[in-house]
Amino acid sequence: MLVLDAAATARALPWSLLMEEIALVCREHRDGRLTCPPRQVLPLRQDGVLLVMPCLSDTLSITKLVSVHPLNASLGLPTISGEVVVLDSRTGQRLAVLDGPALTARRTAAVSMLALQYLARQAPRRALVVGGGVQARAHVEALQALHPQATIHVQAHQSAPAFVEELGVEPLPAESQTRHAWDVIVCATTSRVPVLRPGVGEGAVVIGVGAFRDDMVELPPELVRGAQVWVDDPVGAQAEAGDLMAAGRFEPQASIEDLVMGHAPVDDGRTRLFKSVGCARWDLAAARVAVRG
């Protein structure tokens, strides 16, 4: 059985192959060839949650167990812990155990980049990533790999994240958000209050990936109300997307599947918002890439 630690899991998931597999999974799910029940979200102590996320296909199936503790940052501990178990659907034999946080970070950023591929008006030149954790870093790495022409700024709540100097990106004070015309903004925080200043993001592609519960809100409601919205998972978004709920966007939204299938026309005159809450289909796509090697 293949057992990959965090570094090996990340190396096994190159961006382009991962995006291609996510697009394929979108088509398979639309055709009814995957079983992906809503994830179970179970409360843990210290504001934590345990996520149980299975997804089944005819050949390969996965279950991800991930715990998320937003308060761990103050303790110097990882926010996300977990693993993805991969098995052969025909025999039940375990094929691999992959690092949960590394896989989650890579597949989430790959989903974002796939959405950006469809929603960007032009190749992005100026990007803002808000956040200082694993997801923020993964999105910076994805933008650097796939959009090398872009200048990337990173803004965190406190001091500049450790990866800013390592990856060679620009730290940005919060008050400087409004001084730039952004092509793409990624918000990757677990904040309960908006992290973008009024007016920031209007006319851009805005990607919200950090707020994965109904009590988390990192995008300004005014921005969400005026935007054309796509989600990664319509079922999950209706139950968990606090950004949309706070803005009164309770109706079903178009999805990344609609983008991939060509069923979602894009309005040129509005902000384009992609809201991601996470879904086991993306874990299955990542597991396929990693196991196929």
C-alpha atoms as a PDB file:
ATOM      1  CA  MET A   1       0.000   0.000   0.000  1.00  0.00           C
ATOM      2  CA  LEU A   2       1.230   3.463  -0.918  1.00  0.00           C
ATOM      3  CA  VAL A   3       1.677   5.785   2.062  1.00  0.00           C
ATOM      4  CA  LEU A   4       2.609   9.398   1.271  1.00  0.00           C
ATOM      5  CA  ASP A   5       3.525  12.101   3.748  1.00  0.00           C
ATOM      6  CA  ALA A   6       2.693  15.767   3.159  1.00  0.00           C
ATOM      7  CA  ALA A   7       5.644  16.523   0.884  1.00  0.00           C
ATOM      8  CA  ALA A   8       5.196  13.358  -1.171  1.00  0.00           C
ATOM      9  CA  THR A   9       1.441  13.954  -1.490  1.00  0.00           C
ATOM     10  CA  ALA A  10       2.046  17.474  -2.808  1.00  0.00           C
ATOM     11  CA  ARG A  11       4.647  16.230  -5.301  1.00  0.00           C
ATOM     12  CA  ALA A  12       2.187  13.601  -6.558  1.00  0.00           C
ATOM     13  CA  LEU A  13      -0.383  16.282  -7.467  1.00  0.00           C
ATOM     14  CA  PRO A  14       0.921  18.511 -10.305  1.00  0.00           C
ATOM     15  CA  TRP A  15      -1.426  21.402 -11.003  1.00  0.00           C
ATOM     16  CA  SER A  16      -2.279  20.769 -14.651  1.00  0.00           C
ATOM     17  CA  LEU A  17      -3.009  17.060 -14.195  1.00  0.00           C
ATOM     18  CA  LEU A  18      -5.060  17.804 -11.105  1.00  0.00           C
ATOM     19  CA  MET A  19      -7.160  20.407 -12.898  1.00  0.00           C
ATOM     20  CA  GLU A  20      -7.764  18.020 -15.798  1.00  0.00           C
ATOM     21  CA  GLU A  21      -8.926  15.287 -13.425  1.00  0.00           C
ATOM     22  CA  ILE A  22     -11.220  17.676 -11.549  1.00  0.00           C
ATOM     23  CA  ALA A  23     -12.825  18.658 -14.859  1.00  0.00           C
ATOM     24  CA  LEU A  24     -13.279  14.958 -15.690  1.00  0.00           C
ATOM     25  CA  VAL A  25     -14.867  14.325 -12.297  1.00  0.00           C
ATOM     26  CA  CYS A  26     -17.267  17.209 -12.962  1.00  0.00           C
ATOM     27  CA  ARG A  27     -18.424  15.479 -16.136  1.00  0.00           C
ATOM     28  CA  GLU A  28     -18.706  12.078 -14.448  1.00  0.00           C
ATOM     29  CA  HIS A  29     -20.772  13.507 -11.621  1.00  0.00           C
ATOM     30  CA  ARG A  30     -23.079  15.293 -14.045  1.00  0.00           C
ATOM     31  CA  ASP A  31     -23.535  11.972 -15.851  1.00  0.00           C
ATOM     32  CA  GLY A  32     -24.453  10.215 -12.577  1.00  0.00           C
ATOM     33  CA  ARG A  33     -21.373   7.990 -12.499  1.00  0.00           C
ATOM     34  CA  LEU A  34     -20.182   9.020  -9.019  1.00  0.00           C
ATOM     35  CA  THR A  35     -21.692   8.644  -5.564  1.00  0.00           C
ATOM     36  CA  CYS A  36     -20.821  11.599  -3.362  1.00  0.00           C
ATOM     37  CA  PRO A  37     -23.071  12.063  -0.308  1.00  0.00           C
ATOM     38  CA  PRO A  38     -23.014  15.314   1.660  1.00  0.00           C
ATOM     39  CA  ARG A  39     -20.126  15.354   4.088  1.00  0.00           C
ATOM     40  CA  GLN A  40     -20.738  14.837   7.755  1.00  0.00           C
ATOM     41  CA  VAL A  41     -19.660  17.774   9.901  1.00  0.00           C
ATOM     42  CA  LEU A  42     -19.282  16.836  13.544  1.00  0.00           C
ATOM     43  CA  PRO A  43     -18.400  19.369  16.269  1.00  0.00           C
ATOM     44  CA  LEU A  44     -15.237  18.953  18.294  1.00  0.00           C
ATOM     45  CA  ARG A  45     -13.910  20.883  21.261  1.00  0.00           C
ATOM     46  CA  GLN A  46     -12.139  24.242  20.924  1.00  0.00           C
ATOM     47  CA  ASP A  47     -14.334  25.340  17.999  1.00  0.00           C
ATOM     48  CA  GLY A  48     -13.122  22.368  15.931  1.00  0.00           C
ATOM     49  CA  VAL A  49     -14.981  20.125  13.510  1.00  0.00           C
ATOM     50  CA  LEU A  50     -14.460  16.620  12.160  1.00  0.00           C
ATOM     51  CA  LEU A  51     -15.266  16.222   8.468  1.00  0.00           C
ATOM     52  CA  VAL A  52     -16.091  12.774   7.085  1.00  0.00           C
ATOM     53  CA  MET A  53     -16.093  12.816   3.280  1.00  0.00           C
ATOM     54  CA  PRO A  54     -16.592   9.701   1.095  1.00  0.00           C
ATOM     55  CA  CYS A  55     -16.798   9.562  -2.690  1.00  0.00           C
ATOM     56  CA  LEU A  56     -17.290   6.386  -4.728  1.00  0.00           C
ATOM     57  CA  SER A  57     -16.625   5.514  -8.362  1.00  0.00           C
ATOM     58  CA  ASP A  58     -16.642   2.198 -10.231  1.00  0.00           C
ATOM     59  CA  THR A  59     -12.884   1.786  -9.982  1.00  0.00           C
ATOM     60  CA  LEU A  60     -11.556   3.939  -7.138  1.00  0.00           C
ATOM     61  CA  SER A  61     -13.184   5.181  -3.931  1.00  0.00           C
ATOM     62  CA  ILE A  62     -11.975   7.410  -1.121  1.00  0.00           C
ATOM     63  CA  THR A  63     -12.854   8.519   2.376  1.00  0.00           C
ATOM     64  CA  LYS A  64     -11.307  11.627   3.854  1.00  0.00           C
ATOM     65  CA  LEU A  65     -11.180  12.228   7.597  1.00  0.00           C
ATOM     66  CA  VAL A  66     -10.144  15.770   8.422  1.00  0.00           C
ATOM     67  CA  SER A  67     -10.290  17.774  11.625  1.00  0.00           C
ATOM     68  CA  VAL A  68     -10.212  21.572  11.452  1.00  0.00           C
ATOM     69  CA  HIS A  69      -9.352  23.637  14.526  1.00  0.00           C
ATOM     70  CA  PRO A  70      -9.158  27.371  13.674  1.00  0.00           C
ATOM     71  CA  LEU A  71      -7.857  28.191  17.167  1.00  0.00           C
ATOM     72  CA  ASN A  72      -4.782  25.990  16.711  1.00  0.00           C
ATOM     73  CA  ALA A  73      -2.852  28.821  15.081  1.00  0.00           C
ATOM     74  CA  SER A  74      -2.546  30.570  18.446  1.00  0.00           C
ATOM     75  CA  LEU A  75      -1.060  27.358  19.874  1.00  0.00           C
ATOM     76  CA  GLY A  76       1.497  26.930  17.128  1.00  0.00           C
ATOM     77  CA  LEU A  77      -0.316  23.830  15.844  1.00  0.00           C
ATOM     78  CA  PRO A  78      -1.643  23.020  12.355  1.00  0.00           C
ATOM     79  CA  THR A  79      -5.220  24.125  11.701  1.00  0.00           C
ATOM     80  CA  ILE A  80      -5.985  21.034   9.600  1.00  0.00           C
ATOM     81  CA  SER A  81      -5.116  17.395  10.335  1.00  0.00           C
ATOM     82  CA  GLY A  82      -6.240  14.259   8.541  1.00  0.00           C
ATOM     83  CA  GLU A  83      -5.793  11.616   5.892  1.00  0.00           C
ATOM     84  CA  VAL A  84      -7.386  10.270   2.721  1.00  0.00           C
ATOM     85  CA  VAL A  85      -7.836   6.508   2.440  1.00  0.00           C
ATOM     86  CA  VAL A  86      -7.939   5.231  -1.156  1.00  0.00           C
ATOM     87  CA  LEU A  87      -9.371   1.811  -2.021  1.00  0.00           C
ATOM     88  CA  ASP A  88     -10.118  -0.341  -5.033  1.00  0.00           C
ATOM     89  CA  SER A  89     -13.908  -0.221  -5.467  1.00  0.00           C
ATOM     90  CA  ARG A  90     -14.019  -3.737  -6.920  1.00  0.00           C
ATOM     91  CA  THR A  91     -12.130  -5.535  -4.158  1.00  0.00           C
ATOM     92  CA  GLY A  92     -12.085  -3.143  -1.209  1.00  0.00           C
ATOM     93  CA  GLN A  93      -8.304  -3.421  -1.022  1.00  0.00           C
ATOM     94  CA  ARG A  94      -6.629  -0.345   0.365  1.00  0.00           C
ATOM     95  CA  LEU A  95      -4.367   1.210  -2.231  1.00  0.00           C
ATOM     96  CA  ALA A  96      -3.026   4.319  -0.515  1.00  0.00           C
ATOM     97  CA  VAL A  97      -3.124   6.647   2.464  1.00  0.00           C
ATOM     98  CA  LEU A  98      -2.476  10.248   1.487  1.00  0.00           C
ATOM     99  CA  ASP A  99      -1.801  13.259   3.667  1.00  0.00           C
ATOM    100  CA  GLY A 100      -5.134  15.016   4.210  1.00  0.00           C
ATOM    101  CA  PRO A 101      -4.007  18.643   4.650  1.00  0.00           C
ATOM    102  CA  ALA A 102      -1.600  18.546   1.700  1.00  0.00           C
ATOM    103  CA  LEU A 103      -4.172  16.921  -0.578  1.00  0.00           C
ATOM    104  CA  THR A 104      -6.891  19.341   0.575  1.00  0.00           C
ATOM    105  CA  ALA A 105      -4.696  22.349  -0.041  1.00  0.00           C
ATOM    106  CA  ARG A 106      -3.654  21.229  -3.515  1.00  0.00           C
ATOM    107  CA  ARG A 107      -7.089  20.146  -4.725  1.00  0.00           C
ATOM    108  CA  THR A 108      -8.780  23.292  -3.345  1.00  0.00           C
ATOM    109  CA  ALA A 109      -6.305  25.545  -5.136  1.00  0.00           C
ATOM    110  CA  ALA A 110      -6.667  23.458  -8.304  1.00  0.00           C
ATOM    111  CA  VAL A 111     -10.462  23.848  -8.194  1.00  0.00           C
ATOM    112  CA  SER A 112      -9.962  27.604  -7.797  1.00  0.00           C
ATOM    113  CA  MET A 113      -7.572  27.707 -10.742  1.00  0.00           C
ATOM    114  CA  LEU A 114      -9.996  25.703 -12.882  1.00  0.00           C
ATOM    115  CA  ALA A 115     -12.757  28.208 -12.074  1.00  0.00           C
ATOM    116  CA  LEU A 116     -10.374  31.083 -12.818  1.00  0.00           C
ATOM    117  CA  GLN A 117      -9.615  29.508 -16.188  1.00  0.00           C
ATOM    118  CA  TYR A 118     -13.258  29.971 -17.143  1.00  0.00           C
ATOM    119  CA  LEU A 119     -13.974  33.247 -15.331  1.00  0.00           C
ATOM    120  CA  ALA A 120     -10.881  35.380 -15.995  1.00  0.00           C
ATOM    121  CA  ARG A 121     -11.453  38.180 -18.459  1.00  0.00           C
ATOM    122  CA  GLN A 122      -7.763  38.077 -19.363  1.00  0.00           C
ATOM    123  CA  ALA A 123      -4.551  36.542 -18.053  1.00  0.00           C
ATOM    124  CA  PRO A 124      -4.334  37.948 -14.519  1.00  0.00           C
ATOM    125  CA  ARG A 125      -1.622  40.538 -13.966  1.00  0.00           C
ATOM    126  CA  ARG A 126      -2.306  41.558 -10.383  1.00  0.00           C
ATOM    127  CA  ALA A 127      -3.474  39.090  -7.743  1.00  0.00           C
ATOM    128  CA  LEU A 128      -4.271  39.453  -4.049  1.00  0.00           C
ATOM    129  CA  VAL A 129      -4.314  36.499  -1.655  1.00  0.00           C
ATOM    130  CA  VAL A 130      -5.790  37.216   1.778  1.00  0.00           C
ATOM    131  CA  GLY A 131      -4.706  34.735   4.432  1.00  0.00           C
ATOM    132  CA  GLY A 132      -1.600  33.367   6.042  1.00  0.00           C
ATOM    133  CA  GLY A 133      -2.149  29.617   6.300  1.00  0.00           C
ATOM    134  CA  VAL A 134      -1.936  26.447   4.262  1.00  0.00           C
ATOM    135  CA  GLN A 135      -4.679  27.388   1.811  1.00  0.00           C
ATOM    136  CA  ALA A 136      -3.216  30.823   1.173  1.00  0.00           C
ATOM    137  CA  ARG A 137       0.180  29.309   0.460  1.00  0.00           C
ATOM    138  CA  ALA A 138      -1.292  26.689  -1.891  1.00  0.00           C
ATOM    139  CA  HIS A 139      -3.114  29.356  -3.881  1.00  0.00           C
ATOM    140  CA  VAL A 140       0.048  31.454  -4.151  1.00  0.00           C
ATOM    141  CA  GLU A 141       1.940  28.398  -5.415  1.00  0.00           C
ATOM    142  CA  ALA A 142      -0.798  27.614  -7.924  1.00  0.00           C
ATOM    143  CA  LEU A 143      -0.909  31.189  -9.213  1.00  0.00           C
ATOM    144  CA  GLN A 144       2.873  31.263  -9.553  1.00  0.00           C
ATOM    145  CA  ALA A 145       2.923  27.990 -11.473  1.00  0.00           C
ATOM    146  CA  LEU A 146      -0.021  28.672 -13.760  1.00  0.00           C
ATOM    147  CA  HIS A 147       0.112  32.478 -14.108  1.00  0.00           C
ATOM    148  CA  PRO A 148       3.781  33.446 -13.936  1.00  0.00           C
ATOM    149  CA  GLN A 149       2.988  36.834 -15.455  1.00  0.00           C
ATOM    150  CA  ALA A 150       1.009  37.867 -12.369  1.00  0.00           C
ATOM    151  CA  THR A 151       2.339  39.975  -9.509  1.00  0.00           C
ATOM    152  CA  ILE A 152       1.032  38.411  -6.305  1.00  0.00           C
ATOM    153  CA  HIS A 153       0.415  40.305  -3.071  1.00  0.00           C
ATOM    154  CA  VAL A 154      -0.413  38.598   0.233  1.00  0.00           C
ATOM    155  CA  GLN A 155      -2.234  40.173   3.142  1.00  0.00           C
ATOM    156  CA  ALA A 156      -2.628  38.411   6.496  1.00  0.00           C
ATOM    157  CA  HIS A 157      -4.364  39.547   9.672  1.00  0.00           C
ATOM    158  CA  GLN A 158      -1.148  40.135  11.577  1.00  0.00           C
ATOM    159  CA  SER A 159       2.450  39.942  10.356  1.00  0.00           C
ATOM    160  CA  ALA A 160       3.374  38.742   6.886  1.00  0.00           C
ATOM    161  CA  PRO A 161       3.111  34.939   6.566  1.00  0.00           C
ATOM    162  CA  ALA A 162       6.334  32.969   6.698  1.00  0.00           C
ATOM    163  CA  PHE A 163       5.933  31.853   3.104  1.00  0.00           C
ATOM    164  CA  VAL A 164       5.936  35.411   1.694  1.00  0.00           C
ATOM    165  CA  GLU A 165       9.712  35.753   1.656  1.00  0.00           C
ATOM    166  CA  GLU A 166      10.232  32.099   0.741  1.00  0.00           C
ATOM    167  CA  LEU A 167       7.990  32.295  -2.307  1.00  0.00           C
ATOM    168  CA  GLY A 168       9.058  35.787  -3.309  1.00  0.00           C
ATOM    169  CA  VAL A 169       5.654  37.491  -3.175  1.00  0.00           C
ATOM    170  CA  GLU A 170       4.737  40.941  -1.899  1.00  0.00           C
ATOM    171  CA  PRO A 171       3.273  41.531   1.588  1.00  0.00           C
ATOM    172  CA  LEU A 172       0.416  44.020   1.572  1.00  0.00           C
ATOM    173  CA  PRO A 173      -0.872  46.136   4.485  1.00  0.00           C
ATOM    174  CA  ALA A 174      -4.659  46.035   4.828  1.00  0.00           C
ATOM    175  CA  GLU A 175      -4.982  49.769   4.119  1.00  0.00           C
ATOM    176  CA  SER A 176      -3.348  49.229   0.714  1.00  0.00           C
ATOM    177  CA  GLN A 177      -6.105  46.948  -0.610  1.00  0.00           C
ATOM    178  CA  THR A 178      -7.890  49.866  -2.239  1.00  0.00           C
ATOM    179  CA  ARG A 179      -4.821  51.218  -4.022  1.00  0.00           C
ATOM    180  CA  HIS A 180      -4.761  48.538  -6.691  1.00  0.00           C
ATOM    181  CA  ALA A 181      -7.023  47.300  -9.459  1.00  0.00           C
ATOM    182  CA  TRP A 182      -7.036  43.545  -8.861  1.00  0.00           C
ATOM    183  CA  ASP A 183      -7.631  40.977 -11.588  1.00  0.00           C
ATOM    184  CA  VAL A 184      -8.141  38.141  -9.101  1.00  0.00           C
ATOM    185  CA  ILE A 185      -8.594  38.042  -5.333  1.00  0.00           C
ATOM    186  CA  VAL A 186      -8.421  34.856  -3.263  1.00  0.00           C
ATOM    187  CA  CYS A 187      -9.724  34.931   0.312  1.00  0.00           C
ATOM    188  CA  ALA A 188      -8.425  31.975   2.316  1.00  0.00           C
ATOM    189  CA  THR A 189      -9.260  32.711   5.945  1.00  0.00           C
ATOM    190  CA  THR A 190     -11.598  31.315   8.604  1.00  0.00           C
ATOM    191  CA  SER A 191     -12.758  34.814   9.479  1.00  0.00           C
ATOM    192  CA  ARG A 192     -16.229  35.625  10.772  1.00  0.00           C
ATOM    193  CA  VAL A 193     -16.046  39.196   9.482  1.00  0.00           C
ATOM    194  CA  PRO A 194     -15.286  40.413   5.943  1.00  0.00           C
ATOM    195  CA  VAL A 195     -11.583  40.678   5.138  1.00  0.00           C
ATOM    196  CA  LEU A 196     -11.996  42.888   2.059  1.00  0.00           C
ATOM    197  CA  ARG A 197     -12.482  46.629   2.349  1.00  0.00           C
ATOM    198  CA  PRO A 198     -15.529  48.298   0.733  1.00  0.00           C
ATOM    199  CA  GLY A 199     -15.213  48.439  -3.028  1.00  0.00           C
ATOM    200  CA  VAL A 200     -12.278  46.014  -3.208  1.00  0.00           C
ATOM    201  CA  GLY A 201     -12.918  43.219  -5.684  1.00  0.00           C
ATOM    202  CA  GLU A 202     -15.608  44.911  -7.736  1.00  0.00           C
ATOM    203  CA  GLY A 203     -15.137  43.930 -11.366  1.00  0.00           C
ATOM    204  CA  ALA A 204     -12.543  41.276 -10.510  1.00  0.00           C
ATOM    205  CA  VAL A 205     -12.686  37.508 -10.191  1.00  0.00           C
ATOM    206  CA  VAL A 206     -13.120  36.895  -6.454  1.00  0.00           C
ATOM    207  CA  ILE A 207     -12.509  33.413  -5.052  1.00  0.00           C
ATOM    208  CA  GLY A 208     -13.631  32.588  -1.515  1.00  0.00           C
ATOM    209  CA  VAL A 209     -12.244  29.331  -0.113  1.00  0.00           C
ATOM    210  CA  GLY A 210     -11.648  29.866   3.604  1.00  0.00           C
ATOM    211  CA  ALA A 211     -15.162  30.186   5.025  1.00  0.00           C
ATOM    212  CA  PHE A 212     -16.495  26.625   4.940  1.00  0.00           C
ATOM    213  CA  ARG A 213     -19.168  26.924   7.659  1.00  0.00           C
ATOM    214  CA  ASP A 214     -22.400  28.869   7.901  1.00  0.00           C
ATOM    215  CA  ASP A 215     -20.977  31.057  10.680  1.00  0.00           C
ATOM    216  CA  MET A 216     -17.876  32.113   8.720  1.00  0.00           C
ATOM    217  CA  VAL A 217     -17.985  35.214   6.522  1.00  0.00           C
ATOM    218  CA  GLU A 218     -14.887  36.574   4.793  1.00  0.00           C
ATOM    219  CA  LEU A 219     -16.517  38.347   1.815  1.00  0.00           C
ATOM    220  CA  PRO A 220     -18.468  41.640   2.161  1.00  0.00           C
ATOM    221  CA  PRO A 221     -22.222  41.016   1.697  1.00  0.00           C
ATOM    222  CA  GLU A 222     -22.466  43.998  -0.671  1.00  0.00           C
ATOM    223  CA  LEU A 223     -19.861  42.433  -2.955  1.00  0.00           C
ATOM    224  CA  VAL A 224     -21.659  39.070  -2.918  1.00  0.00           C
ATOM    225  CA  ARG A 225     -25.070  40.630  -3.649  1.00  0.00           C
ATOM    226  CA  GLY A 226     -23.772  42.387  -6.741  1.00  0.00           C
ATOM    227  CA  ALA A 227     -21.774  39.481  -8.113  1.00  0.00           C
ATOM    228  CA  GLN A 228     -22.509  36.659 -10.509  1.00  0.00           C
ATOM    229  CA  VAL A 229     -21.906  33.596  -8.321  1.00  0.00           C
ATOM    230  CA  TRP A 230     -20.639  30.097  -9.003  1.00  0.00           C
ATOM    231  CA  VAL A 231     -19.995  27.438  -6.342  1.00  0.00           C
ATOM    232  CA  ASP A 232     -17.939  24.260  -6.199  1.00  0.00           C
ATOM    233  CA  ASP A 233     -20.800  22.180  -4.775  1.00  0.00           C
ATOM    234  CA  PRO A 234     -24.417  23.452  -4.853  1.00  0.00           C
ATOM    235  CA  VAL A 235     -25.600  21.125  -2.065  1.00  0.00           C
ATOM    236  CA  GLY A 236     -22.722  21.962   0.237  1.00  0.00           C
ATOM    237  CA  ALA A 237     -22.915  25.671  -0.515  1.00  0.00           C
ATOM    238  CA  GLN A 238     -26.582  25.892   0.456  1.00  0.00           C
ATOM    239  CA  ALA A 239     -25.798  24.331   3.830  1.00  0.00           C
ATOM    240  CA  GLU A 240     -22.370  25.766   4.599  1.00  0.00           C
ATOM    241  CA  ALA A 241     -21.509  28.896   2.600  1.00  0.00           C
ATOM    242  CA  GLY A 242     -21.732  31.597   5.248  1.00  0.00           C
ATOM    243  CA  ASP A 243     -20.603  34.222   2.726  1.00  0.00           C
ATOM    244  CA  LEU A 244     -23.687  33.592   0.592  1.00  0.00           C
ATOM    245  CA  MET A 245     -26.061  33.291   3.558  1.00  0.00           C
ATOM    246  CA  ALA A 246     -24.924  36.596   5.056  1.00  0.00           C
ATOM    247  CA  ALA A 247     -25.681  38.262   1.713  1.00  0.00           C
ATOM    248  CA  GLY A 248     -29.121  36.659   1.427  1.00  0.00           C
ATOM    249  CA  ARG A 249     -28.092  34.446  -1.499  1.00  0.00           C
ATOM    250  CA  PHE A 250     -29.989  31.339  -0.384  1.00  0.00           C
ATOM    251  CA  GLU A 251     -31.109  30.222  -3.846  1.00  0.00           C
ATOM    252  CA  PRO A 252     -29.189  27.479  -5.699  1.00  0.00           C
ATOM    253  CA  GLN A 253     -26.186  28.855  -7.575  1.00  0.00           C
ATOM    254  CA  ALA A 254     -24.520  27.818 -10.811  1.00  0.00           C
ATOM    255  CA  SER A 255     -21.568  25.504 -10.235  1.00  0.00           C
ATOM    256  CA  ILE A 256     -18.135  24.713 -11.555  1.00  0.00           C
ATOM    257  CA  GLU A 257     -19.763  21.755 -13.294  1.00  0.00           C
ATOM    258  CA  ASP A 258     -21.860  24.245 -15.257  1.00  0.00           C
ATOM    259  CA  LEU A 259     -18.684  26.079 -16.263  1.00  0.00           C
ATOM    260  CA  VAL A 260     -16.956  22.883 -17.362  1.00  0.00           C
ATOM    261  CA  MET A 261     -20.021  21.695 -19.284  1.00  0.00           C
ATOM    262  CA  GLY A 262     -20.544  25.096 -20.920  1.00  0.00           C
ATOM    263  CA  HIS A 263     -23.928  25.613 -19.292  1.00  0.00           C
ATOM    264  CA  ALA A 264     -23.218  28.853 -17.418  1.00  0.00           C
ATOM    265  CA  PRO A 265     -22.992  32.053 -19.488  1.00  0.00           C
ATOM    266  CA  VAL A 266     -20.779  34.714 -17.930  1.00  0.00           C
ATOM    267  CA  ASP A 267     -22.023  38.292 -17.486  1.00  0.00           C
ATOM    268  CA  ASP A 268     -19.273  40.698 -18.556  1.00  0.00           C
ATOM    269  CA  GLY A 269     -20.642  43.580 -16.513  1.00  0.00           C
ATOM    270  CA  ARG A 270     -20.510  42.056 -13.020  1.00  0.00           C
ATOM    271  CA  THR A 271     -18.000  40.856 -10.476  1.00  0.00           C
ATOM    272  CA  ARG A 272     -17.410  37.134 -10.932  1.00  0.00           C
ATOM    273  CA  LEU A 273     -17.439  35.252  -7.636  1.00  0.00           C
ATOM    274  CA  PHE A 274     -16.460  31.633  -7.118  1.00  0.00           C
ATOM    275  CA  LYS A 275     -17.369  30.289  -3.689  1.00  0.00           C
ATOM    276  CA  SER A 276     -15.806  27.005  -2.561  1.00  0.00           C
ATOM    277  CA  VAL A 277     -16.767  25.036   0.552  1.00  0.00           C
ATOM    278  CA  GLY A 278     -15.053  21.750  -0.319  1.00  0.00           C
ATOM    279  CA  CYS A 279     -16.349  18.480  -1.688  1.00  0.00           C
ATOM    280  CA  ALA A 280     -15.156  14.861  -1.693  1.00  0.00           C
ATOM    281  CA  ARG A 281     -15.311  14.737  -5.497  1.00  0.00           C
ATOM    282  CA  TRP A 282     -12.191  16.877  -5.579  1.00  0.00           C
ATOM    283  CA  ASP A 283     -10.495  14.487  -3.141  1.00  0.00           C
ATOM    284  CA  LEU A 284     -11.348  11.593  -5.449  1.00  0.00           C
ATOM    285  CA  ALA A 285      -9.831  13.476  -8.396  1.00  0.00           C
ATOM    286  CA  ALA A 286      -6.653  14.109  -6.396  1.00  0.00           C
ATOM    287  CA  ALA A 287      -6.449  10.483  -5.252  1.00  0.00           C
ATOM    288  CA  ARG A 288      -6.683   9.276  -8.846  1.00  0.00           C
ATOM    289  CA  VAL A 289      -3.789  11.507  -9.877  1.00  0.00           C
ATOM    290  CA  ALA A 290      -1.658  10.504  -6.888  1.00  0.00           C
ATOM    291  CA  VAL A 291      -2.254   6.759  -7.213  1.00  0.00           C
ATOM    292  CA  ARG A 292      -1.817   6.766 -10.958  1.00  0.00           C
ATOM    293  CA  GLY A 293       1.568   8.370 -10.304  1.00  0.00           C
END
